[in-house]
């Protein structure tokens, strides 16, 4: 999957923040931000006993798919493997929410927050 494909898929989820981002670093950054936002919204819904917003379920699944499919396991090695595991953990928590079960959404959001913070510090490559 190319970043153009990922961008097109994400746009289909009707996100407002994903406008004309061309840089691969920025695409991952925006995707991580959207995933964190959706996980936090789902975690808040779980805490209040409310229903899980379909919009955030869909966005979270899409963001996770984009992030997992953008990993380069040949070049990324152990880091790519570990990121895949974190994204898979998040996917399983969102799937639990989709089934209206309680999962570890707060933990998932925390993991994504840590990755997002690190990604922001890395900055775009020239």
PDB file of N, CA and C in Angstrom:
ATOM      1  N   UNK A   1       0.847  -1.169   0.000  1.00  0.00           N
ATOM      2  CA  UNK A   1       0.000   0.000   0.000  1.00  0.00           C
ATOM      3  C   UNK A   1       0.895   1.236   0.000  1.00  0.00           C
ATOM      4  N   UNK A   2       0.588   2.189  -0.834  1.00  0.00           N
ATOM      5  CA  UNK A   2       1.344   3.430  -0.861  1.00  0.00           C
ATOM      6  C   UNK A   2       0.707   4.432   0.087  1.00  0.00           C
ATOM      7  N   UNK A   3       1.424   5.500   0.376  1.00  0.00           N
ATOM      8  CA  UNK A   3       0.857   6.525   1.236  1.00  0.00           C
ATOM      9  C   UNK A   3      -0.333   7.207   0.562  1.00  0.00           C
ATOM     10  N   UNK A   4      -0.331   7.268  -0.770  1.00  0.00           N
ATOM     11  CA  UNK A   4      -1.483   7.839  -1.477  1.00  0.00           C
ATOM     12  C   UNK A   4      -2.720   6.979  -1.246  1.00  0.00           C
ATOM     13  N   UNK A   5      -2.547   5.658  -1.281  1.00  0.00           N
ATOM     14  CA  UNK A   5      -3.670   4.761  -0.988  1.00  0.00           C
ATOM     15  C   UNK A   5      -4.155   4.947   0.442  1.00  0.00           C
ATOM     16  N   UNK A   6      -3.208   5.041   1.363  1.00  0.00           N
ATOM     17  CA  UNK A   6      -3.565   5.234   2.769  1.00  0.00           C
ATOM     18  C   UNK A   6      -4.330   6.539   2.954  1.00  0.00           C
ATOM     19  N   UNK A   7      -3.848   7.591   2.318  1.00  0.00           N
ATOM     20  CA  UNK A   7      -4.515   8.887   2.413  1.00  0.00           C
ATOM     21  C   UNK A   7      -5.929   8.808   1.863  1.00  0.00           C
ATOM     22  N   UNK A   8      -6.106   8.151   0.738  1.00  0.00           N
ATOM     23  CA  UNK A   8      -7.433   8.013   0.132  1.00  0.00           C
ATOM     24  C   UNK A   8      -8.375   7.231   1.048  1.00  0.00           C
ATOM     25  N   UNK A   9      -7.879   6.162   1.644  1.00  0.00           N
ATOM     26  CA  UNK A   9      -8.717   5.369   2.558  1.00  0.00           C
ATOM     27  C   UNK A   9      -9.121   6.192   3.770  1.00  0.00           C
ATOM     28  N   UNK A  10      -8.184   6.952   4.294  1.00  0.00           N
ATOM     29  CA  UNK A  10      -8.482   7.736   5.476  1.00  0.00           C
ATOM     30  C   UNK A  10      -9.484   8.844   5.158  1.00  0.00           C
ATOM     31  N   UNK A  11      -9.358   9.436   4.008  1.00  0.00           N
ATOM     32  CA  UNK A  11     -10.312  10.484   3.613  1.00  0.00           C
ATOM     33  C   UNK A  11     -11.727   9.942   3.538  1.00  0.00           C
ATOM     34  N   UNK A  12     -11.857   8.677   3.172  1.00  0.00           N
ATOM     35  CA  UNK A  12     -13.182   8.076   3.092  1.00  0.00           C
ATOM     36  C   UNK A  12     -13.845   7.945   4.448  1.00  0.00           C
ATOM     37  N   UNK A  13     -13.093   8.079   5.526  1.00  0.00           N
ATOM     38  CA  UNK A  13     -13.683   8.029   6.854  1.00  0.00           C
ATOM     39  C   UNK A  13     -14.148   9.407   7.304  1.00  0.00           C
ATOM     40  N   UNK A  14     -14.099  10.366   6.419  1.00  0.00           N
ATOM     41  CA  UNK A  14     -14.629  11.712   6.625  1.00  0.00           C
ATOM     42  C   UNK A  14     -13.908  12.494   7.708  1.00  0.00           C
ATOM     43  N   UNK A  15     -12.600  12.427   7.722  1.00  0.00           N
ATOM     44  CA  UNK A  15     -11.848  13.228   8.675  1.00  0.00           C
ATOM     45  C   UNK A  15     -11.614  14.624   8.114  1.00  0.00           C
ATOM     46  N   UNK A  16     -11.667  15.596   8.984  1.00  0.00           N
ATOM     47  CA  UNK A  16     -11.475  16.978   8.577  1.00  0.00           C
ATOM     48  C   UNK A  16      -9.997  17.350   8.593  1.00  0.00           C
ATOM     49  N   UNK A  17      -9.220  16.763   9.519  1.00  0.00           N
ATOM     50  CA  UNK A  17      -7.834  17.150   9.716  1.00  0.00           C
ATOM     51  C   UNK A  17      -6.885  16.634   8.640  1.00  0.00           C
ATOM     52  N   UNK A  18      -7.333  15.790   7.762  1.00  0.00           N
ATOM     53  CA  UNK A  18      -6.449  15.111   6.827  1.00  0.00           C
ATOM     54  C   UNK A  18      -6.538  15.764   5.451  1.00  0.00           C
ATOM     55  N   UNK A  19      -6.079  17.006   5.349  1.00  0.00           N
ATOM     56  CA  UNK A  19      -6.210  17.756   4.110  1.00  0.00           C
ATOM     57  C   UNK A  19      -4.853  17.932   3.443  1.00  0.00           C
ATOM     58  N   UNK A  20      -4.708  17.398   2.270  1.00  0.00           N
ATOM     59  CA  UNK A  20      -3.555  17.616   1.401  1.00  0.00           C
ATOM     60  C   UNK A  20      -2.212  17.398   2.102  1.00  0.00           C
ATOM     61  N   UNK A  21      -2.104  16.347   2.847  1.00  0.00           N
ATOM     62  CA  UNK A  21      -0.839  16.014   3.475  1.00  0.00           C
ATOM     63  C   UNK A  21      -0.086  15.114   2.511  1.00  0.00           C
ATOM     64  N   UNK A  22       1.102  15.537   2.125  1.00  0.00           N
ATOM     65  CA  UNK A  22       1.875  14.796   1.134  1.00  0.00           C
ATOM     66  C   UNK A  22       3.092  14.093   1.737  1.00  0.00           C
ATOM     67  N   UNK A  23       3.655  14.645   2.790  1.00  0.00           N
ATOM     68  CA  UNK A  23       4.861  14.113   3.404  1.00  0.00           C
ATOM     69  C   UNK A  23       4.529  12.844   4.187  1.00  0.00           C
ATOM     70  N   UNK A  24       5.239  11.731   3.936  1.00  0.00           N
ATOM     71  CA  UNK A  24       4.948  10.487   4.658  1.00  0.00           C
ATOM     72  C   UNK A  24       5.013  10.634   6.180  1.00  0.00           C
ATOM     73  N   UNK A  25       5.963  11.433   6.682  1.00  0.00           N
ATOM     74  CA  UNK A  25       6.042  11.664   8.130  1.00  0.00           C
ATOM     75  C   UNK A  25       4.765  12.328   8.630  1.00  0.00           C
ATOM     76  N   UNK A  26       4.288  13.314   7.903  1.00  0.00           N
ATOM     77  CA  UNK A  26       3.065  14.017   8.292  1.00  0.00           C
ATOM     78  C   UNK A  26       1.850  13.093   8.221  1.00  0.00           C
ATOM     79  N   UNK A  27       1.814  12.207   7.251  1.00  0.00           N
ATOM     80  CA  UNK A  27       0.692  11.268   7.133  1.00  0.00           C
ATOM     81  C   UNK A  27       0.628  10.386   8.376  1.00  0.00           C
ATOM     82  N   UNK A  28       1.772   9.865   8.795  1.00  0.00           N
ATOM     83  CA  UNK A  28       1.802   9.032   9.997  1.00  0.00           C
ATOM     84  C   UNK A  28       1.439   9.872  11.219  1.00  0.00           C
ATOM     85  N   UNK A  29       1.932  11.092  11.279  1.00  0.00           N
ATOM     86  CA  UNK A  29       1.641  11.976  12.400  1.00  0.00           C
ATOM     87  C   UNK A  29       0.141  12.228  12.522  1.00  0.00           C
ATOM     88  N   UNK A  30      -0.493  12.594  11.437  1.00  0.00           N
ATOM     89  CA  UNK A  30      -1.927  12.859  11.452  1.00  0.00           C
ATOM     90  C   UNK A  30      -2.701  11.591  11.794  1.00  0.00           C
ATOM     91  N   UNK A  31      -2.272  10.466  11.259  1.00  0.00           N
ATOM     92  CA  UNK A  31      -2.950   9.195  11.528  1.00  0.00           C
ATOM     93  C   UNK A  31      -2.839   8.836  13.006  1.00  0.00           C
ATOM     94  N   UNK A  32      -1.659   9.002  13.593  1.00  0.00           N
ATOM     95  CA  UNK A  32      -1.490   8.745  15.021  1.00  0.00           C
ATOM     96  C   UNK A  32      -2.360   9.670  15.861  1.00  0.00           C
ATOM     97  N   UNK A  33      -2.427  10.942  15.494  1.00  0.00           N
ATOM     98  CA  UNK A  33      -3.262  11.896  16.240  1.00  0.00           C
ATOM     99  C   UNK A  33      -4.735  11.490  16.182  1.00  0.00           C
ATOM    100  N   UNK A  34      -5.188  11.115  15.007  1.00  0.00           N
ATOM    101  CA  UNK A  34      -6.586  10.707  14.851  1.00  0.00           C
ATOM    102  C   UNK A  34      -6.868   9.422  15.621  1.00  0.00           C
ATOM    103  N   UNK A  35      -5.928   8.499  15.611  1.00  0.00           N
ATOM    104  CA  UNK A  35      -6.110   7.262  16.357  1.00  0.00           C
ATOM    105  C   UNK A  35      -6.176   7.548  17.857  1.00  0.00           C
ATOM    106  N   UNK A  36      -5.267   8.382  18.335  1.00  0.00           N
ATOM    107  CA  UNK A  36      -5.296   8.725  19.757  1.00  0.00           C
ATOM    108  C   UNK A  36      -6.629   9.378  20.129  1.00  0.00           C
ATOM    109  N   UNK A  37      -7.072  10.304  19.314  1.00  0.00           N
ATOM    110  CA  UNK A  37      -8.334  11.002  19.578  1.00  0.00           C
ATOM    111  C   UNK A  37      -9.498  10.020  19.625  1.00  0.00           C
ATOM    112  N   UNK A  38      -9.540   9.094  18.682  1.00  0.00           N
ATOM    113  CA  UNK A  38     -10.627   8.119  18.650  1.00  0.00           C
ATOM    114  C   UNK A  38     -10.560   7.160  19.827  1.00  0.00           C
ATOM    115  N   UNK A  39      -9.353   6.719  20.176  1.00  0.00           N
ATOM    116  CA  UNK A  39      -9.224   5.820  21.330  1.00  0.00           C
ATOM    117  C   UNK A  39      -9.649   6.516  22.618  1.00  0.00           C
ATOM    118  N   UNK A  40      -9.293   7.784  22.754  1.00  0.00           N
ATOM    119  CA  UNK A  40      -9.698   8.533  23.952  1.00  0.00           C
ATOM    120  C   UNK A  40     -11.221   8.707  23.994  1.00  0.00           C
ATOM    121  N   UNK A  41     -11.834   8.961  22.839  1.00  0.00           N
ATOM    122  CA  UNK A  41     -13.296   9.092  22.785  1.00  0.00           C
ATOM    123  C   UNK A  41     -13.970   7.769  23.144  1.00  0.00           C
ATOM    124  N   UNK A  42     -13.430   6.674  22.650  1.00  0.00           N
ATOM    125  CA  UNK A  42     -13.984   5.359  22.967  1.00  0.00           C
ATOM    126  C   UNK A  42     -13.788   5.026  24.445  1.00  0.00           C
ATOM    127  N   UNK A  43     -12.624   5.366  24.996  1.00  0.00           N
ATOM    128  CA  UNK A  43     -12.360   5.120  26.412  1.00  0.00           C
ATOM    129  C   UNK A  43     -13.314   5.933  27.287  1.00  0.00           C
ATOM    130  N   UNK A  44     -13.569   7.177  26.893  1.00  0.00           N
ATOM    131  CA  UNK A  44     -14.503   8.023  27.643  1.00  0.00           C
ATOM    132  C   UNK A  44     -15.915   7.445  27.599  1.00  0.00           C
ATOM    133  N   UNK A  45     -16.306   6.926  26.465  1.00  0.00           N
ATOM    134  CA  UNK A  45     -17.632   6.309  26.340  1.00  0.00           C
ATOM    135  C   UNK A  45     -17.721   5.074  27.233  1.00  0.00           C
ATOM    136  N   UNK A  46     -16.642   4.317  27.314  1.00  0.00           N
ATOM    137  CA  UNK A  46     -16.630   3.122  28.158  1.00  0.00           C
ATOM    138  C   UNK A  46     -16.754   3.499  29.636  1.00  0.00           C
ATOM    139  N   UNK A  47     -16.083   4.573  30.030  1.00  0.00           N
ATOM    140  CA  UNK A  47     -16.118   4.998  31.431  1.00  0.00           C
ATOM    141  C   UNK A  47     -17.498   5.486  31.849  1.00  0.00           C
ATOM    142  N   UNK A  48     -18.204   6.135  30.936  1.00  0.00           N
ATOM    143  CA  UNK A  48     -19.520   6.665  31.271  1.00  0.00           C
ATOM    144  C   UNK A  48     -20.630   5.650  31.043  1.00  0.00           C
ATOM    145  N   UNK A  49     -20.277   4.520  30.456  1.00  0.00           N
ATOM    146  CA  UNK A  49     -21.292   3.510  30.181  1.00  0.00           C
ATOM    147  C   UNK A  49     -22.142   3.831  28.968  1.00  0.00           C
ATOM    148  N   UNK A  50     -21.732   4.831  28.219  1.00  0.00           N
ATOM    149  CA  UNK A  50     -22.464   5.208  27.012  1.00  0.00           C
ATOM    150  C   UNK A  50     -22.143   4.283  25.860  1.00  0.00           C
ATOM    151  N   UNK A  51     -22.809   4.522  24.762  1.00  0.00           N
ATOM    152  CA  UNK A  51     -22.530   3.698  23.585  1.00  0.00           C
ATOM    153  C   UNK A  51     -21.266   4.217  22.903  1.00  0.00           C
ATOM    154  N   UNK A  52     -20.596   3.310  22.227  1.00  0.00           N
ATOM    155  CA  UNK A  52     -19.378   3.676  21.515  1.00  0.00           C
ATOM    156  C   UNK A  52     -19.748   4.379  20.211  1.00  0.00           C
ATOM    157  N   UNK A  53     -19.212   5.570  19.971  1.00  0.00           N
ATOM    158  CA  UNK A  53     -19.524   6.289  18.730  1.00  0.00           C
ATOM    159  C   UNK A  53     -18.989   5.531  17.504  1.00  0.00           C
ATOM    160  N   UNK A  54     -19.877   5.207  16.581  1.00  0.00           N
ATOM    161  CA  UNK A  54     -19.484   4.477  15.377  1.00  0.00           C
ATOM    162  C   UNK A  54     -18.386   5.198  14.605  1.00  0.00           C
ATOM    163  N   UNK A  55     -18.462   6.523  14.572  1.00  0.00           N
ATOM    164  CA  UNK A  55     -17.470   7.311  13.848  1.00  0.00           C
ATOM    165  C   UNK A  55     -16.064   7.032  14.387  1.00  0.00           C
ATOM    166  N   UNK A  56     -15.925   6.952  15.695  1.00  0.00           N
ATOM    167  CA  UNK A  56     -14.606   6.716  16.290  1.00  0.00           C
ATOM    168  C   UNK A  56     -14.180   5.259  16.143  1.00  0.00           C
ATOM    169  N   UNK A  57     -15.118   4.343  16.168  1.00  0.00           N
ATOM    170  CA  UNK A  57     -14.777   2.945  15.898  1.00  0.00           C
ATOM    171  C   UNK A  57     -14.207   2.814  14.494  1.00  0.00           C
ATOM    172  N   UNK A  58     -14.903   3.395  13.518  1.00  0.00           N
ATOM    173  CA  UNK A  58     -14.459   3.319  12.119  1.00  0.00           C
ATOM    174  C   UNK A  58     -13.117   4.004  11.905  1.00  0.00           C
ATOM    175  N   UNK A  59     -12.955   5.170  12.488  1.00  0.00           N
ATOM    176  CA  UNK A  59     -11.688   5.896  12.332  1.00  0.00           C
ATOM    177  C   UNK A  59     -10.528   5.147  12.980  1.00  0.00           C
ATOM    178  N   UNK A  60     -10.776   4.570  14.137  1.00  0.00           N
ATOM    179  CA  UNK A  60      -9.715   3.831  14.822  1.00  0.00           C
ATOM    180  C   UNK A  60      -9.289   2.623  13.994  1.00  0.00           C
ATOM    181  N   UNK A  61     -10.255   1.864  13.494  1.00  0.00           N
ATOM    182  CA  UNK A  61      -9.913   0.705  12.661  1.00  0.00           C
ATOM    183  C   UNK A  61      -9.131   1.129  11.418  1.00  0.00           C
ATOM    184  N   UNK A  62      -9.564   2.205  10.789  1.00  0.00           N
ATOM    185  CA  UNK A  62      -8.893   2.677   9.578  1.00  0.00           C
ATOM    186  C   UNK A  62      -7.474   3.154   9.885  1.00  0.00           C
ATOM    187  N   UNK A  63      -7.331   3.921  10.959  1.00  0.00           N
ATOM    188  CA  UNK A  63      -6.004   4.421  11.334  1.00  0.00           C
ATOM    189  C   UNK A  63      -5.058   3.274  11.660  1.00  0.00           C
ATOM    190  N   UNK A  64      -5.548   2.280  12.376  1.00  0.00           N
ATOM    191  CA  UNK A  64      -4.709   1.127  12.718  1.00  0.00           C
ATOM    192  C   UNK A  64      -4.277   0.396  11.454  1.00  0.00           C
ATOM    193  N   UNK A  65      -5.208   0.223  10.529  1.00  0.00           N
ATOM    194  CA  UNK A  65      -4.868  -0.440   9.270  1.00  0.00           C
ATOM    195  C   UNK A  65      -3.779   0.338   8.523  1.00  0.00           C
ATOM    196  N   UNK A  66      -3.927   1.634   8.463  1.00  0.00           N
ATOM    197  CA  UNK A  66      -2.936   2.472   7.781  1.00  0.00           C
ATOM    198  C   UNK A  66      -1.572   2.338   8.453  1.00  0.00           C
ATOM    199  N   UNK A  67      -1.555   2.425   9.761  1.00  0.00           N
ATOM    200  CA  UNK A  67      -0.286   2.352  10.484  1.00  0.00           C
ATOM    201  C   UNK A  67       0.364   0.978  10.342  1.00  0.00           C
ATOM    202  N   UNK A  68      -0.416  -0.076  10.452  1.00  0.00           N
ATOM    203  CA  UNK A  68       0.160  -1.416  10.309  1.00  0.00           C
ATOM    204  C   UNK A  68       0.673  -1.658   8.895  1.00  0.00           C
ATOM    205  N   UNK A  69      -0.078  -1.224   7.910  1.00  0.00           N
ATOM    206  CA  UNK A  69       0.325  -1.497   6.527  1.00  0.00           C
ATOM    207  C   UNK A  69       1.456  -0.590   6.060  1.00  0.00           C
ATOM    208  N   UNK A  70       1.761   0.470   6.803  1.00  0.00           N
ATOM    209  CA  UNK A  70       2.860   1.355   6.405  1.00  0.00           C
ATOM    210  C   UNK A  70       4.200   0.922   6.988  1.00  0.00           C
ATOM    211  N   UNK A  71       4.196  -0.077   7.853  1.00  0.00           N
ATOM    212  CA  UNK A  71       5.448  -0.537   8.463  1.00  0.00           C
ATOM    213  C   UNK A  71       6.313  -1.265   7.441  1.00  0.00           C
ATOM    214  N   UNK A  72       7.611  -1.005   7.499  1.00  0.00           N
ATOM    215  CA  UNK A  72       8.579  -1.689   6.639  1.00  0.00           C
ATOM    216  C   UNK A  72       9.366  -2.650   7.530  1.00  0.00           C
ATOM    217  N   UNK A  73       8.985  -3.922   7.484  1.00  0.00           N
ATOM    218  CA  UNK A  73       9.590  -4.901   8.374  1.00  0.00           C
ATOM    219  C   UNK A  73      11.037  -5.220   8.003  1.00  0.00           C
ATOM    220  N   UNK A  74      11.385  -5.053   6.746  1.00  0.00           N
ATOM    221  CA  UNK A  74      12.769  -5.311   6.327  1.00  0.00           C
ATOM    222  C   UNK A  74      13.711  -4.241   6.867  1.00  0.00           C
ATOM    223  N   UNK A  75      13.335  -2.983   6.708  1.00  0.00           N
ATOM    224  CA  UNK A  75      14.191  -1.891   7.177  1.00  0.00           C
ATOM    225  C   UNK A  75      13.993  -1.595   8.660  1.00  0.00           C
ATOM    226  N   UNK A  76      12.760  -1.808   9.149  1.00  0.00           N
ATOM    227  CA  UNK A  76      12.429  -1.434  10.520  1.00  0.00           C
ATOM    228  C   UNK A  76      12.828  -2.442  11.571  1.00  0.00           C
ATOM    229  N   UNK A  77      12.990  -3.691  11.168  1.00  0.00           N
ATOM    230  CA  UNK A  77      13.436  -4.730  12.094  1.00  0.00           C
ATOM    231  C   UNK A  77      12.582  -4.846  13.334  1.00  0.00           C
ATOM    232  N   UNK A  78      13.252  -4.865  14.475  1.00  0.00           N
ATOM    233  CA  UNK A  78      12.576  -5.062  15.760  1.00  0.00           C
ATOM    234  C   UNK A  78      11.605  -3.923  16.082  1.00  0.00           C
ATOM    235  N   UNK A  79      11.958  -2.708  15.683  1.00  0.00           N
ATOM    236  CA  UNK A  79      11.069  -1.570  15.939  1.00  0.00           C
ATOM    237  C   UNK A  79       9.746  -1.765  15.202  1.00  0.00           C
ATOM    238  N   UNK A  80       9.811  -2.156  13.946  1.00  0.00           N
ATOM    239  CA  UNK A  80       8.591  -2.397  13.172  1.00  0.00           C
ATOM    240  C   UNK A  80       7.770  -3.523  13.795  1.00  0.00           C
ATOM    241  N   UNK A  81       8.436  -4.584  14.234  1.00  0.00           N
ATOM    242  CA  UNK A  81       7.734  -5.692  14.888  1.00  0.00           C
ATOM    243  C   UNK A  81       7.012  -5.218  16.149  1.00  0.00           C
ATOM    244  N   UNK A  82       7.701  -4.421  16.955  1.00  0.00           N
ATOM    245  CA  UNK A  82       7.094  -3.932  18.198  1.00  0.00           C
ATOM    246  C   UNK A  82       5.947  -2.970  17.934  1.00  0.00           C
ATOM    247  N   UNK A  83       6.101  -2.101  16.947  1.00  0.00           N
ATOM    248  CA  UNK A  83       4.999  -1.199  16.598  1.00  0.00           C
ATOM    249  C   UNK A  83       3.796  -1.989  16.115  1.00  0.00           C
ATOM    250  N   UNK A  84       4.035  -3.020  15.315  1.00  0.00           N
ATOM    251  CA  UNK A  84       2.932  -3.849  14.842  1.00  0.00           C
ATOM    252  C   UNK A  84       2.190  -4.463  16.032  1.00  0.00           C
ATOM    253  N   UNK A  85       2.939  -4.930  17.016  1.00  0.00           N
ATOM    254  CA  UNK A  85       2.301  -5.526  18.202  1.00  0.00           C
ATOM    255  C   UNK A  85       1.453  -4.504  18.958  1.00  0.00           C
ATOM    256  N   UNK A  86       1.954  -3.291  19.091  1.00  0.00           N
ATOM    257  CA  UNK A  86       1.179  -2.244  19.775  1.00  0.00           C
ATOM    258  C   UNK A  86      -0.081  -1.934  18.979  1.00  0.00           C
ATOM    259  N   UNK A  87       0.058  -1.774  17.659  1.00  0.00           N
ATOM    260  CA  UNK A  87      -1.112  -1.490  16.827  1.00  0.00           C
ATOM    261  C   UNK A  87      -2.117  -2.643  16.881  1.00  0.00           C
ATOM    262  N   UNK A  88      -1.615  -3.872  16.941  1.00  0.00           N
ATOM    263  CA  UNK A  88      -2.504  -5.035  17.031  1.00  0.00           C
ATOM    264  C   UNK A  88      -3.230  -5.053  18.368  1.00  0.00           C
ATOM    265  N   UNK A  89      -2.542  -4.701  19.436  1.00  0.00           N
ATOM    266  CA  UNK A  89      -3.192  -4.577  20.745  1.00  0.00           C
ATOM    267  C   UNK A  89      -4.329  -3.561  20.668  1.00  0.00           C
ATOM    268  N   UNK A  90      -4.051  -2.422  20.041  1.00  0.00           N
ATOM    269  CA  UNK A  90      -5.078  -1.384  19.884  1.00  0.00           C
ATOM    270  C   UNK A  90      -6.251  -1.902  19.061  1.00  0.00           C
ATOM    271  N   UNK A  91      -5.950  -2.630  17.993  1.00  0.00           N
ATOM    272  CA  UNK A  91      -7.009  -3.170  17.144  1.00  0.00           C
ATOM    273  C   UNK A  91      -7.902  -4.122  17.938  1.00  0.00           C
ATOM    274  N   UNK A  92      -7.301  -4.939  18.767  1.00  0.00           N
ATOM    275  CA  UNK A  92      -8.084  -5.872  19.576  1.00  0.00           C
ATOM    276  C   UNK A  92      -8.964  -5.139  20.586  1.00  0.00           C
ATOM    277  N   UNK A  93      -8.466  -4.032  21.128  1.00  0.00           N
ATOM    278  CA  UNK A  93      -9.273  -3.252  22.070  1.00  0.00           C
ATOM    279  C   UNK A  93     -10.443  -2.569  21.367  1.00  0.00           C
ATOM    280  N   UNK A  94     -10.200  -2.071  20.170  1.00  0.00           N
ATOM    281  CA  UNK A  94     -11.281  -1.448  19.390  1.00  0.00           C
ATOM    282  C   UNK A  94     -12.300  -2.517  18.982  1.00  0.00           C
ATOM    283  N   UNK A  95     -11.815  -3.702  18.639  1.00  0.00           N
ATOM    284  CA  UNK A  95     -12.725  -4.801  18.294  1.00  0.00           C
ATOM    285  C   UNK A  95     -13.597  -5.165  19.496  1.00  0.00           C
ATOM    286  N   UNK A  96     -13.029  -5.129  20.694  1.00  0.00           N
ATOM    287  CA  UNK A  96     -13.827  -5.375  21.906  1.00  0.00           C
ATOM    288  C   UNK A  96     -14.915  -4.317  22.048  1.00  0.00           C
ATOM    289  N   UNK A  97     -14.547  -3.067  21.805  1.00  0.00           N
ATOM    290  CA  UNK A  97     -15.542  -1.993  21.876  1.00  0.00           C
ATOM    291  C   UNK A  97     -16.618  -2.184  20.813  1.00  0.00           C
ATOM    292  N   UNK A  98     -16.213  -2.617  19.639  1.00  0.00           N
ATOM    293  CA  UNK A  98     -17.166  -2.867  18.557  1.00  0.00           C
ATOM    294  C   UNK A  98     -18.184  -3.932  18.973  1.00  0.00           C
ATOM    295  N   UNK A  99     -17.708  -4.931  19.721  1.00  0.00           N
ATOM    296  CA  UNK A  99     -18.596  -5.991  20.208  1.00  0.00           C
ATOM    297  C   UNK A  99     -19.334  -5.552  21.471  1.00  0.00           C
ATOM    298  N   UNK A 100     -19.154  -4.316  21.873  1.00  0.00           N
ATOM    299  CA  UNK A 100     -19.769  -3.729  23.063  1.00  0.00           C
ATOM    300  C   UNK A 100     -19.281  -4.382  24.344  1.00  0.00           C
ATOM    301  N   UNK A 101     -18.025  -4.806  24.313  1.00  0.00           N
ATOM    302  CA  UNK A 101     -17.373  -5.355  25.489  1.00  0.00           C
ATOM    303  C   UNK A 101     -16.398  -4.310  26.021  1.00  0.00           C
ATOM    304  N   UNK A 102     -16.086  -4.429  27.275  1.00  0.00           N
ATOM    305  CA  UNK A 102     -15.102  -3.503  27.846  1.00  0.00           C
ATOM    306  C   UNK A 102     -13.707  -4.023  27.553  1.00  0.00           C
ATOM    307  N   UNK A 103     -12.894  -3.156  27.037  1.00  0.00           N
ATOM    308  CA  UNK A 103     -11.516  -3.507  26.738  1.00  0.00           C
ATOM    309  C   UNK A 103     -10.582  -2.581  27.481  1.00  0.00           C
ATOM    310  N   UNK A 104      -9.366  -2.546  27.052  1.00  0.00           N
ATOM    311  CA  UNK A 104      -8.348  -1.710  27.673  1.00  0.00           C
ATOM    312  C   UNK A 104      -8.080  -0.494  26.785  1.00  0.00           C
ATOM    313  N   UNK A 105      -9.123   0.254  26.517  1.00  0.00           N
ATOM    314  CA  UNK A 105      -9.017   1.388  25.602  1.00  0.00           C
ATOM    315  C   UNK A 105      -8.127   2.494  26.158  1.00  0.00           C
ATOM    316  N   UNK A 106      -8.168   2.707  27.459  1.00  0.00           N
ATOM    317  CA  UNK A 106      -7.318   3.738  28.062  1.00  0.00           C
ATOM    318  C   UNK A 106      -5.849   3.357  27.913  1.00  0.00           C
ATOM    319  N   UNK A 107      -5.541   2.077  28.111  1.00  0.00           N
ATOM    320  CA  UNK A 107      -4.159   1.609  27.921  1.00  0.00           C
ATOM    321  C   UNK A 107      -3.741   1.766  26.463  1.00  0.00           C
ATOM    322  N   UNK A 108      -4.627   1.408  25.555  1.00  0.00           N
ATOM    323  CA  UNK A 108      -4.320   1.535  24.125  1.00  0.00           C
ATOM    324  C   UNK A 108      -4.034   2.996  23.775  1.00  0.00           C
ATOM    325  N   UNK A 109      -4.870   3.896  24.275  1.00  0.00           N
ATOM    326  CA  UNK A 109      -4.665   5.326  24.006  1.00  0.00           C
ATOM    327  C   UNK A 109      -3.330   5.803  24.579  1.00  0.00           C
ATOM    328  N   UNK A 110      -2.956   5.291  25.747  1.00  0.00           N
ATOM    329  CA  UNK A 110      -1.681   5.660  26.352  1.00  0.00           C
ATOM    330  C   UNK A 110      -0.495   5.210  25.517  1.00  0.00           C
ATOM    331  N   UNK A 111      -0.581   4.004  24.974  1.00  0.00           N
ATOM    332  CA  UNK A 111       0.501   3.505  24.115  1.00  0.00           C
ATOM    333  C   UNK A 111       0.639   4.363  22.863  1.00  0.00           C
ATOM    334  N   UNK A 112      -0.495   4.713  22.266  1.00  0.00           N
ATOM    335  CA  UNK A 112      -0.462   5.542  21.052  1.00  0.00           C
ATOM    336  C   UNK A 112       0.051   6.937  21.390  1.00  0.00           C
ATOM    337  N   UNK A 113      -0.304   7.461  22.552  1.00  0.00           N
ATOM    338  CA  UNK A 113       0.213   8.777  22.969  1.00  0.00           C
ATOM    339  C   UNK A 113       1.733   8.768  23.051  1.00  0.00           C
ATOM    340  N   UNK A 114       2.290   7.689  23.588  1.00  0.00           N
ATOM    341  CA  UNK A 114       3.749   7.584  23.703  1.00  0.00           C
ATOM    342  C   UNK A 114       4.401   7.512  22.322  1.00  0.00           C
ATOM    343  N   UNK A 115       3.804   6.748  21.428  1.00  0.00           N
ATOM    344  CA  UNK A 115       4.338   6.660  20.058  1.00  0.00           C
ATOM    345  C   UNK A 115       4.211   8.009  19.363  1.00  0.00           C
ATOM    346  N   UNK A 116       3.080   8.675  19.546  1.00  0.00           N
ATOM    347  CA  UNK A 116       2.859   9.990  18.940  1.00  0.00           C
ATOM    348  C   UNK A 116       3.891  10.988  19.439  1.00  0.00           C
ATOM    349  N   UNK A 117       4.149  10.992  20.722  1.00  0.00           N
ATOM    350  CA  UNK A 117       5.143  11.918  21.283  1.00  0.00           C
ATOM    351  C   UNK A 117       6.522  11.666  20.673  1.00  0.00           C
ATOM    352  N   UNK A 118       6.890  10.413  20.556  1.00  0.00           N
ATOM    353  CA  UNK A 118       8.189  10.070  19.961  1.00  0.00           C
ATOM    354  C   UNK A 118       8.222  10.482  18.487  1.00  0.00           C
ATOM    355  N   UNK A 119       7.132  10.247  17.778  1.00  0.00           N
ATOM    356  CA  UNK A 119       7.066  10.585  16.351  1.00  0.00           C
ATOM    357  C   UNK A 119       7.187  12.093  16.146  1.00  0.00           C
ATOM    358  N   UNK A 120       6.570  12.866  17.033  1.00  0.00           N
ATOM    359  CA  UNK A 120       6.664  14.328  16.943  1.00  0.00           C
ATOM    360  C   UNK A 120       8.101  14.793  17.174  1.00  0.00           C
ATOM    361  N   UNK A 121       8.815  14.132  18.054  1.00  0.00           N
ATOM    362  CA  UNK A 121      10.206  14.509  18.333  1.00  0.00           C
ATOM    363  C   UNK A 121      11.136  14.158  17.196  1.00  0.00           C
ATOM    364  N   UNK A 122      10.829  13.075  16.481  1.00  0.00           N
ATOM    365  CA  UNK A 122      11.669  12.674  15.358  1.00  0.00           C
ATOM    366  C   UNK A 122      11.683  13.741  14.281  1.00  0.00           C
ATOM    367  N   UNK A 123      10.514  14.261  13.958  1.00  0.00           N
ATOM    368  CA  UNK A 123      10.396  15.272  12.929  1.00  0.00           C
ATOM    369  C   UNK A 123      10.563  14.687  11.542  1.00  0.00           C
ATOM    370  N   UNK A 124      10.162  15.434  10.520  1.00  0.00           N
ATOM    371  CA  UNK A 124      10.264  14.940   9.145  1.00  0.00           C
ATOM    372  C   UNK A 124      11.719  14.801   8.713  1.00  0.00           C
ATOM    373  N   UNK A 125      11.931  13.813   7.879  1.00  0.00           N
ATOM    374  CA  UNK A 125      13.270  13.602   7.328  1.00  0.00           C
ATOM    375  C   UNK A 125      13.414  14.426   6.048  1.00  0.00           C
ATOM    376  N   UNK A 126      14.613  14.969   5.831  1.00  0.00           N
ATOM    377  CA  UNK A 126      14.818  15.793   4.623  1.00  0.00           C
ATOM    378  C   UNK A 126      14.771  14.943   3.371  1.00  0.00           C
TER     379      UNK A 126
END
